[in-house]
Amino acid sequence: MKIHDKIFNRIKELGMTQKEFSEKTGIPQSTISDWKGKDLNPAADKIMIICGVLEMTPNELLSETVDEGKYNAPDKLIVERGSYEYSIIEDIRQLNEEQRQRLMAYMKGLNDL
């Protein structure tokens, strides 16, 4: 599902009109109409405003919906040494078990925002 489809679905779920959405976000109605009519998505600098108005997280808005059973995550990931992800993994390896559990709970909390 495309981002603009998620936006219009959520507007409908909230019982909001496009005009109300426009007023709350400060995004012109013509721009909002273009998303649907011209198959466009909103500009990146508007995502946080949109999420606030629609009571969604950026993750909910931007992530692809995957049907259960259709996606199998790989068992192993390749991460390049020196990359940001690599340094995070190295930092996590230095934590004790209690610290790792606290970190996992914190990350889950961030994802739930």
N, C-alpha and C. Protein backbone atom coordinates (compact mmCIF):
# COMPACT_ATOMS: atom_id res chain seq x y z
N MET A 1 0.84 -1.17 0.00
CA MET A 1 0.00 0.00 0.00
C MET A 1 0.89 1.24 0.00
N LYS A 2 0.56 2.19 -0.82
CA LYS A 2 1.35 3.42 -0.92
C LYS A 2 1.07 4.35 0.25
N ILE A 3 2.02 5.23 0.51
CA ILE A 3 1.90 6.15 1.64
C ILE A 3 0.63 6.97 1.54
N HIS A 4 0.36 7.51 0.35
CA HIS A 4 -0.84 8.35 0.24
C HIS A 4 -2.11 7.54 0.47
N ASP A 5 -2.11 6.27 0.11
CA ASP A 5 -3.27 5.42 0.39
C ASP A 5 -3.47 5.26 1.90
N LYS A 6 -2.37 5.06 2.62
CA LYS A 6 -2.46 4.94 4.08
C LYS A 6 -3.00 6.23 4.69
N ILE A 7 -2.56 7.36 4.15
CA ILE A 7 -3.03 8.66 4.67
C ILE A 7 -4.54 8.79 4.47
N PHE A 8 -5.01 8.52 3.25
CA PHE A 8 -6.43 8.66 2.98
C PHE A 8 -7.27 7.66 3.77
N ASN A 9 -6.76 6.45 3.95
CA ASN A 9 -7.47 5.46 4.76
C ASN A 9 -7.59 5.93 6.21
N ARG A 10 -6.49 6.49 6.73
CA ARG A 10 -6.49 6.95 8.13
C ARG A 10 -7.40 8.17 8.30
N ILE A 11 -7.40 9.08 7.33
CA ILE A 11 -8.30 10.24 7.37
C ILE A 11 -9.74 9.75 7.49
N LYS A 12 -10.07 8.75 6.69
CA LYS A 12 -11.42 8.18 6.70
C LYS A 12 -11.72 7.51 8.04
N GLU A 13 -10.75 6.73 8.57
CA GLU A 13 -10.93 6.06 9.85
C GLU A 13 -11.22 7.06 10.97
N LEU A 14 -10.57 8.21 10.91
CA LEU A 14 -10.74 9.23 11.94
C LEU A 14 -11.99 10.09 11.72
N GLY A 15 -12.69 9.85 10.61
CA GLY A 15 -13.89 10.63 10.30
C GLY A 15 -13.58 12.08 9.98
N MET A 16 -12.41 12.30 9.42
CA MET A 16 -11.92 13.64 9.10
C MET A 16 -12.13 13.90 7.61
N THR A 17 -12.38 15.15 7.27
CA THR A 17 -12.45 15.51 5.86
C THR A 17 -11.06 15.91 5.39
N GLN A 18 -10.88 15.93 4.06
CA GLN A 18 -9.60 16.40 3.52
C GLN A 18 -9.36 17.86 3.89
N LYS A 19 -10.44 18.63 3.96
CA LYS A 19 -10.31 20.04 4.33
C LYS A 19 -9.80 20.16 5.77
N GLU A 20 -10.37 19.38 6.69
CA GLU A 20 -9.90 19.39 8.08
C GLU A 20 -8.44 18.97 8.16
N PHE A 21 -8.11 17.93 7.42
CA PHE A 21 -6.73 17.45 7.40
C PHE A 21 -5.80 18.55 6.89
N SER A 22 -6.22 19.23 5.86
CA SER A 22 -5.44 20.34 5.30
C SER A 22 -5.22 21.44 6.34
N GLU A 23 -6.29 21.80 7.04
CA GLU A 23 -6.20 22.86 8.05
C GLU A 23 -5.29 22.46 9.20
N LYS A 24 -5.38 21.21 9.64
CA LYS A 24 -4.58 20.74 10.77
C LYS A 24 -3.10 20.58 10.42
N THR A 25 -2.81 20.24 9.17
CA THR A 25 -1.41 20.02 8.77
C THR A 25 -0.77 21.25 8.16
N GLY A 26 -1.62 22.17 7.66
CA GLY A 26 -1.08 23.33 6.95
C GLY A 26 -0.68 23.00 5.52
N ILE A 27 -1.07 21.82 5.05
CA ILE A 27 -0.77 21.40 3.68
C ILE A 27 -1.96 21.80 2.81
N PRO A 28 -1.72 22.52 1.71
CA PRO A 28 -2.82 22.95 0.85
C PRO A 28 -3.65 21.76 0.34
N GLN A 29 -4.98 22.00 0.24
CA GLN A 29 -5.88 20.95 -0.24
C GLN A 29 -5.48 20.48 -1.64
N SER A 30 -4.99 21.40 -2.46
CA SER A 30 -4.59 21.01 -3.82
C SER A 30 -3.43 20.01 -3.79
N THR A 31 -2.53 20.20 -2.86
CA THR A 31 -1.40 19.27 -2.72
C THR A 31 -1.90 17.90 -2.29
N ILE A 32 -2.81 17.89 -1.33
CA ILE A 32 -3.38 16.62 -0.84
C ILE A 32 -4.12 15.91 -1.97
N SER A 33 -4.85 16.65 -2.76
CA SER A 33 -5.57 16.06 -3.91
C SER A 33 -4.59 15.49 -4.92
N ASP A 34 -3.46 16.17 -5.12
CA ASP A 34 -2.44 15.69 -6.06
C ASP A 34 -1.87 14.34 -5.65
N TRP A 35 -1.77 14.10 -4.34
CA TRP A 35 -1.24 12.82 -3.88
C TRP A 35 -2.03 11.68 -4.49
N LYS A 36 -3.34 11.83 -4.46
CA LYS A 36 -4.20 10.76 -4.96
C LYS A 36 -4.31 10.81 -6.48
N GLY A 37 -4.60 11.99 -7.02
CA GLY A 37 -4.84 12.13 -8.45
C GLY A 37 -3.62 11.88 -9.31
N LYS A 38 -2.46 12.27 -8.80
CA LYS A 38 -1.22 12.13 -9.57
C LYS A 38 -0.33 11.01 -9.04
N ASP A 39 -0.88 10.20 -8.11
CA ASP A 39 -0.15 9.06 -7.54
C ASP A 39 1.19 9.50 -6.94
N LEU A 40 1.13 10.56 -6.12
CA LEU A 40 2.33 11.10 -5.47
C LEU A 40 2.27 10.84 -3.98
N ASN A 41 3.40 10.92 -3.33
CA ASN A 41 3.47 10.83 -1.88
C ASN A 41 3.89 12.18 -1.32
N PRO A 42 3.59 12.44 -0.05
CA PRO A 42 3.95 13.73 0.54
C PRO A 42 5.46 13.92 0.63
N ALA A 43 5.85 15.18 0.71
CA ALA A 43 7.27 15.51 0.87
C ALA A 43 7.75 15.01 2.24
N ALA A 44 9.00 14.63 2.31
CA ALA A 44 9.57 14.06 3.53
C ALA A 44 9.45 15.01 4.72
N ASP A 45 9.54 16.33 4.48
CA ASP A 45 9.49 17.27 5.59
C ASP A 45 8.09 17.40 6.20
N LYS A 46 7.10 16.78 5.60
CA LYS A 46 5.72 16.83 6.11
C LYS A 46 5.32 15.57 6.88
N ILE A 47 6.15 14.56 6.86
CA ILE A 47 5.80 13.26 7.45
C ILE A 47 5.48 13.37 8.94
N MET A 48 6.30 14.07 9.72
CA MET A 48 6.06 14.16 11.16
C MET A 48 4.78 14.92 11.46
N ILE A 49 4.49 15.96 10.70
CA ILE A 49 3.25 16.72 10.88
C ILE A 49 2.06 15.82 10.58
N ILE A 50 2.13 15.11 9.46
CA ILE A 50 1.06 14.20 9.06
C ILE A 50 0.84 13.14 10.13
N CYS A 51 1.92 12.54 10.63
CA CYS A 51 1.81 11.50 11.65
C CYS A 51 1.15 12.04 12.92
N GLY A 52 1.51 13.25 13.30
CA GLY A 52 0.91 13.85 14.49
C GLY A 52 -0.59 14.03 14.34
N VAL A 53 -1.01 14.54 13.20
CA VAL A 53 -2.44 14.77 12.95
C VAL A 53 -3.20 13.45 12.84
N LEU A 54 -2.60 12.47 12.22
CA LEU A 54 -3.27 11.19 12.00
C LEU A 54 -3.06 10.19 13.15
N GLU A 55 -2.31 10.63 14.18
CA GLU A 55 -2.07 9.78 15.35
C GLU A 55 -1.44 8.45 14.94
N MET A 56 -0.40 8.56 14.11
CA MET A 56 0.35 7.39 13.63
C MET A 56 1.82 7.61 13.91
N THR A 57 2.56 6.54 13.97
CA THR A 57 4.01 6.67 14.04
C THR A 57 4.55 6.75 12.63
N PRO A 58 5.73 7.35 12.44
CA PRO A 58 6.33 7.34 11.11
C PRO A 58 6.52 5.92 10.59
N ASN A 59 6.83 5.00 11.48
CA ASN A 59 7.00 3.60 11.08
C ASN A 59 5.70 3.03 10.51
N GLU A 60 4.58 3.33 11.16
CA GLU A 60 3.28 2.85 10.66
C GLU A 60 2.97 3.43 9.29
N LEU A 61 3.30 4.69 9.11
CA LEU A 61 2.99 5.35 7.85
C LEU A 61 3.92 4.90 6.72
N LEU A 62 5.20 4.77 7.01
CA LEU A 62 6.18 4.55 5.96
C LEU A 62 6.51 3.10 5.67
N SER A 63 6.24 2.22 6.62
CA SER A 63 6.62 0.82 6.39
C SER A 63 5.64 0.13 5.48
N GLU A 64 6.17 -0.82 4.75
CA GLU A 64 5.32 -1.62 3.86
C GLU A 64 4.56 -2.63 4.67
N THR A 65 3.33 -2.84 4.32
CA THR A 65 2.53 -3.88 4.95
C THR A 65 2.87 -5.20 4.27
N VAL A 66 3.25 -6.16 5.07
CA VAL A 66 3.63 -7.47 4.53
C VAL A 66 2.62 -8.49 5.02
N ASP A 67 2.04 -9.22 4.09
CA ASP A 67 1.09 -10.26 4.47
C ASP A 67 1.84 -11.35 5.22
N GLU A 68 1.22 -11.81 6.31
CA GLU A 68 1.81 -12.89 7.07
C GLU A 68 2.07 -14.09 6.20
N GLY A 69 3.21 -14.70 6.36
CA GLY A 69 3.52 -15.90 5.61
C GLY A 69 4.16 -15.61 4.26
N LYS A 70 4.11 -14.38 3.79
CA LYS A 70 4.68 -14.07 2.48
C LYS A 70 6.11 -13.57 2.58
N TYR A 71 6.54 -13.21 3.78
CA TYR A 71 7.88 -12.67 3.95
C TYR A 71 8.63 -13.50 4.96
N ASN A 72 9.77 -13.97 4.58
CA ASN A 72 10.63 -14.72 5.50
C ASN A 72 11.91 -13.93 5.71
N ALA A 73 12.13 -13.48 6.93
CA ALA A 73 13.34 -12.74 7.24
C ALA A 73 14.53 -13.67 7.11
N PRO A 74 15.65 -13.16 6.63
CA PRO A 74 16.83 -14.01 6.50
C PRO A 74 17.34 -14.43 7.86
N ASP A 75 17.96 -15.61 7.92
CA ASP A 75 18.52 -16.09 9.17
C ASP A 75 19.78 -15.31 9.54
N LYS A 76 20.48 -14.80 8.53
CA LYS A 76 21.72 -14.07 8.77
C LYS A 76 21.72 -12.78 7.96
N LEU A 77 22.32 -11.75 8.55
CA LEU A 77 22.48 -10.48 7.86
C LEU A 77 23.96 -10.19 7.71
N ILE A 78 24.33 -9.57 6.65
CA ILE A 78 25.71 -9.17 6.44
C ILE A 78 25.81 -7.68 6.73
N VAL A 79 26.71 -7.35 7.66
CA VAL A 79 26.91 -5.95 8.06
C VAL A 79 28.37 -5.62 7.83
N GLU A 80 28.62 -4.52 7.15
CA GLU A 80 29.99 -4.14 6.82
C GLU A 80 30.71 -3.54 8.03
N ARG A 81 31.94 -3.99 8.25
CA ARG A 81 32.77 -3.44 9.31
C ARG A 81 32.94 -1.95 9.08
N GLY A 82 32.82 -1.19 10.15
CA GLY A 82 32.97 0.26 10.04
C GLY A 82 31.64 0.98 9.80
N SER A 83 30.59 0.22 9.51
CA SER A 83 29.28 0.85 9.30
C SER A 83 28.65 1.19 10.64
N TYR A 84 27.65 2.02 10.59
CA TYR A 84 26.90 2.42 11.79
C TYR A 84 26.31 1.19 12.47
N GLU A 85 25.72 0.30 11.68
CA GLU A 85 25.11 -0.90 12.23
C GLU A 85 26.15 -1.79 12.92
N TYR A 86 27.32 -1.88 12.34
CA TYR A 86 28.39 -2.69 12.90
C TYR A 86 28.79 -2.15 14.28
N SER A 87 28.92 -0.83 14.39
CA SER A 87 29.32 -0.24 15.67
C SER A 87 28.25 -0.47 16.73
N ILE A 88 26.97 -0.44 16.32
CA ILE A 88 25.90 -0.72 17.27
C ILE A 88 26.00 -2.15 17.79
N ILE A 89 26.23 -3.08 16.89
CA ILE A 89 26.36 -4.49 17.28
C ILE A 89 27.53 -4.67 18.24
N GLU A 90 28.64 -4.02 17.94
CA GLU A 90 29.82 -4.11 18.81
C GLU A 90 29.50 -3.56 20.20
N ASP A 91 28.77 -2.44 20.27
CA ASP A 91 28.40 -1.87 21.56
C ASP A 91 27.48 -2.82 22.33
N ILE A 92 26.54 -3.43 21.64
CA ILE A 92 25.61 -4.35 22.29
C ILE A 92 26.36 -5.57 22.84
N ARG A 93 27.34 -6.03 22.11
CA ARG A 93 28.12 -7.20 22.57
C ARG A 93 28.85 -6.93 23.88
N GLN A 94 29.12 -5.67 24.17
CA GLN A 94 29.84 -5.32 25.40
C GLN A 94 28.92 -5.21 26.62
N LEU A 95 27.62 -5.27 26.40
CA LEU A 95 26.66 -5.17 27.50
C LEU A 95 26.49 -6.52 28.18
N ASN A 96 26.16 -6.47 29.48
CA ASN A 96 25.82 -7.73 30.15
C ASN A 96 24.37 -8.06 29.83
N GLU A 97 23.91 -9.23 30.26
CA GLU A 97 22.57 -9.69 29.90
C GLU A 97 21.47 -8.75 30.39
N GLU A 98 21.61 -8.26 31.61
CA GLU A 98 20.60 -7.34 32.15
C GLU A 98 20.53 -6.05 31.32
N GLN A 99 21.69 -5.54 30.95
CA GLN A 99 21.72 -4.33 30.12
C GLN A 99 21.11 -4.57 28.74
N ARG A 100 21.36 -5.74 28.18
CA ARG A 100 20.77 -6.08 26.87
C ARG A 100 19.25 -6.14 26.97
N GLN A 101 18.74 -6.73 28.03
CA GLN A 101 17.29 -6.82 28.20
C GLN A 101 16.68 -5.43 28.35
N ARG A 102 17.35 -4.56 29.10
CA ARG A 102 16.86 -3.19 29.26
C ARG A 102 16.88 -2.45 27.93
N LEU A 103 17.94 -2.66 27.15
CA LEU A 103 18.04 -2.04 25.84
C LEU A 103 16.92 -2.52 24.93
N MET A 104 16.66 -3.82 24.93
CA MET A 104 15.58 -4.36 24.09
C MET A 104 14.24 -3.78 24.49
N ALA A 105 13.99 -3.63 25.79
CA ALA A 105 12.73 -3.04 26.26
C ALA A 105 12.64 -1.58 25.83
N TYR A 106 13.74 -0.86 25.88
CA TYR A 106 13.76 0.53 25.45
C TYR A 106 13.49 0.63 23.95
N MET A 107 14.11 -0.23 23.15
CA MET A 107 13.88 -0.20 21.70
C MET A 107 12.43 -0.54 21.37
N LYS A 108 11.86 -1.50 22.10
CA LYS A 108 10.45 -1.83 21.87
C LYS A 108 9.57 -0.62 22.18
N GLY A 109 9.89 0.08 23.27
CA GLY A 109 9.13 1.28 23.62
C GLY A 109 9.22 2.34 22.55
N LEU A 110 10.40 2.54 21.98
CA LEU A 110 10.57 3.51 20.90
C LEU A 110 9.73 3.12 19.68
N ASN A 111 9.74 1.85 19.36
CA ASN A 111 8.96 1.38 18.20
C ASN A 111 7.47 1.54 18.42
N ASP A 112 7.03 1.47 19.68
CA ASP A 112 5.61 1.60 19.99
C ASP A 112 5.13 3.04 20.00
N LEU A 113 6.06 4.00 20.00
CA LEU A 113 5.65 5.42 20.02
C LEU A 113 4.86 5.80 18.81
